[in-house]
């Protein structure tokens, strides 16, 4: 799911520091939202 606005990104991340990067991807600054490829594979 693409989150297109910085406001909705912040809401999704529950993080006022979240932002949209150059590619339009929502980036959460909180560690708990960072998922590595390794964790996804094992899930």
N, C-alpha and C. Protein backbone atom coordinates (compact mmCIF):
# COMPACT_ATOMS: atom_id res chain seq x y z
N UNK A 1 0.85 -1.20 0.00
CA UNK A 1 0.00 0.00 0.00
C UNK A 1 0.88 1.24 0.00
N UNK A 2 0.59 2.14 -0.91
CA UNK A 2 1.35 3.38 -0.99
C UNK A 2 0.62 4.46 -0.21
N UNK A 3 1.33 5.10 0.69
CA UNK A 3 0.77 6.21 1.47
C UNK A 3 1.30 7.50 0.84
N UNK A 4 0.39 8.25 0.24
CA UNK A 4 0.81 9.30 -0.69
C UNK A 4 1.08 10.64 -0.02
N UNK A 5 0.53 10.86 1.16
CA UNK A 5 0.75 12.15 1.80
C UNK A 5 1.55 11.98 3.09
N UNK A 6 2.32 13.00 3.41
CA UNK A 6 3.14 12.95 4.61
C UNK A 6 2.27 12.85 5.86
N UNK A 7 1.11 13.48 5.83
CA UNK A 7 0.22 13.43 6.98
C UNK A 7 -0.28 12.02 7.24
N UNK A 8 -0.71 11.33 6.18
CA UNK A 8 -1.19 9.95 6.35
C UNK A 8 -0.04 9.01 6.70
N UNK A 9 1.15 9.34 6.20
CA UNK A 9 2.33 8.57 6.55
C UNK A 9 2.62 8.68 8.04
N UNK A 10 2.55 9.90 8.57
CA UNK A 10 2.78 10.12 10.00
C UNK A 10 1.74 9.39 10.83
N UNK A 11 0.50 9.38 10.35
CA UNK A 11 -0.57 8.68 11.06
C UNK A 11 -0.32 7.18 11.05
N UNK A 12 0.05 6.66 9.88
CA UNK A 12 0.32 5.23 9.73
C UNK A 12 1.46 4.79 10.64
N UNK A 13 2.51 5.61 10.68
CA UNK A 13 3.68 5.27 11.48
C UNK A 13 3.47 5.60 12.96
N UNK A 14 2.44 6.39 13.25
CA UNK A 14 2.26 6.94 14.59
C UNK A 14 3.52 7.66 15.01
N UNK A 15 4.06 8.46 14.09
CA UNK A 15 5.36 9.08 14.29
C UNK A 15 5.40 10.42 13.56
N UNK A 16 5.52 11.51 14.31
CA UNK A 16 5.56 12.84 13.71
C UNK A 16 6.81 13.08 12.88
N UNK A 17 7.81 12.20 13.02
CA UNK A 17 9.04 12.35 12.25
C UNK A 17 9.03 11.55 10.95
N UNK A 18 7.96 10.79 10.73
CA UNK A 18 7.86 10.01 9.49
C UNK A 18 7.77 10.96 8.31
N UNK A 19 8.22 10.50 7.15
CA UNK A 19 8.24 11.36 5.97
C UNK A 19 8.14 10.57 4.68
N UNK A 20 7.88 11.27 3.60
CA UNK A 20 7.84 10.66 2.27
C UNK A 20 9.19 10.89 1.61
N UNK A 21 9.81 9.81 1.12
CA UNK A 21 11.12 9.97 0.49
C UNK A 21 10.99 10.37 -0.98
N UNK A 22 12.11 10.45 -1.68
CA UNK A 22 12.13 10.95 -3.05
C UNK A 22 11.31 10.07 -3.99
N UNK A 23 11.15 8.80 -3.63
CA UNK A 23 10.43 7.86 -4.48
C UNK A 23 8.95 7.77 -4.09
N UNK A 24 8.54 8.59 -3.12
CA UNK A 24 7.15 8.58 -2.69
C UNK A 24 6.83 7.49 -1.70
N UNK A 25 7.88 6.93 -1.06
CA UNK A 25 7.69 5.86 -0.10
C UNK A 25 7.58 6.45 1.31
N UNK A 26 6.62 5.95 2.07
CA UNK A 26 6.48 6.39 3.46
C UNK A 26 7.60 5.77 4.29
N UNK A 27 8.38 6.63 4.95
CA UNK A 27 9.48 6.17 5.77
C UNK A 27 9.19 6.49 7.24
N UNK A 28 9.08 5.41 8.05
CA UNK A 28 8.89 5.60 9.48
C UNK A 28 10.25 5.75 10.15
N UNK A 29 10.37 6.68 11.07
CA UNK A 29 11.61 6.88 11.79
C UNK A 29 11.74 5.95 12.99
N UNK A 30 10.61 5.36 13.43
CA UNK A 30 10.64 4.49 14.60
C UNK A 30 11.17 3.11 14.24
N UNK A 31 12.04 2.59 15.07
CA UNK A 31 12.72 1.31 14.81
C UNK A 31 11.73 0.16 14.62
N UNK A 32 10.63 0.17 15.36
CA UNK A 32 9.71 -0.96 15.35
C UNK A 32 9.08 -1.21 13.99
N UNK A 33 9.09 -0.20 13.11
CA UNK A 33 8.49 -0.36 11.80
C UNK A 33 9.49 -0.79 10.73
N UNK A 34 10.76 -0.88 11.12
CA UNK A 34 11.78 -1.29 10.17
C UNK A 34 11.81 -2.82 10.11
N UNK A 35 11.52 -3.38 8.95
CA UNK A 35 11.51 -4.83 8.78
C UNK A 35 12.56 -5.20 7.75
N UNK A 36 13.45 -6.10 8.12
CA UNK A 36 14.49 -6.51 7.19
C UNK A 36 13.99 -7.64 6.31
N UNK A 37 14.67 -7.89 5.20
CA UNK A 37 14.30 -8.98 4.31
C UNK A 37 14.37 -10.31 5.04
N UNK A 38 15.35 -10.43 5.94
CA UNK A 38 15.53 -11.68 6.66
C UNK A 38 14.33 -11.98 7.54
N UNK A 39 13.81 -10.95 8.21
CA UNK A 39 12.66 -11.14 9.08
C UNK A 39 11.42 -11.49 8.27
N UNK A 40 11.28 -10.87 7.09
CA UNK A 40 10.13 -11.17 6.25
C UNK A 40 10.16 -12.61 5.76
N UNK A 41 11.35 -13.10 5.42
CA UNK A 41 11.49 -14.46 4.91
C UNK A 41 11.13 -15.49 5.98
N UNK A 42 11.47 -15.21 7.23
CA UNK A 42 11.23 -16.15 8.30
C UNK A 42 9.81 -16.07 8.87
N UNK A 43 9.09 -15.03 8.50
CA UNK A 43 7.76 -14.84 9.08
C UNK A 43 6.78 -15.92 8.60
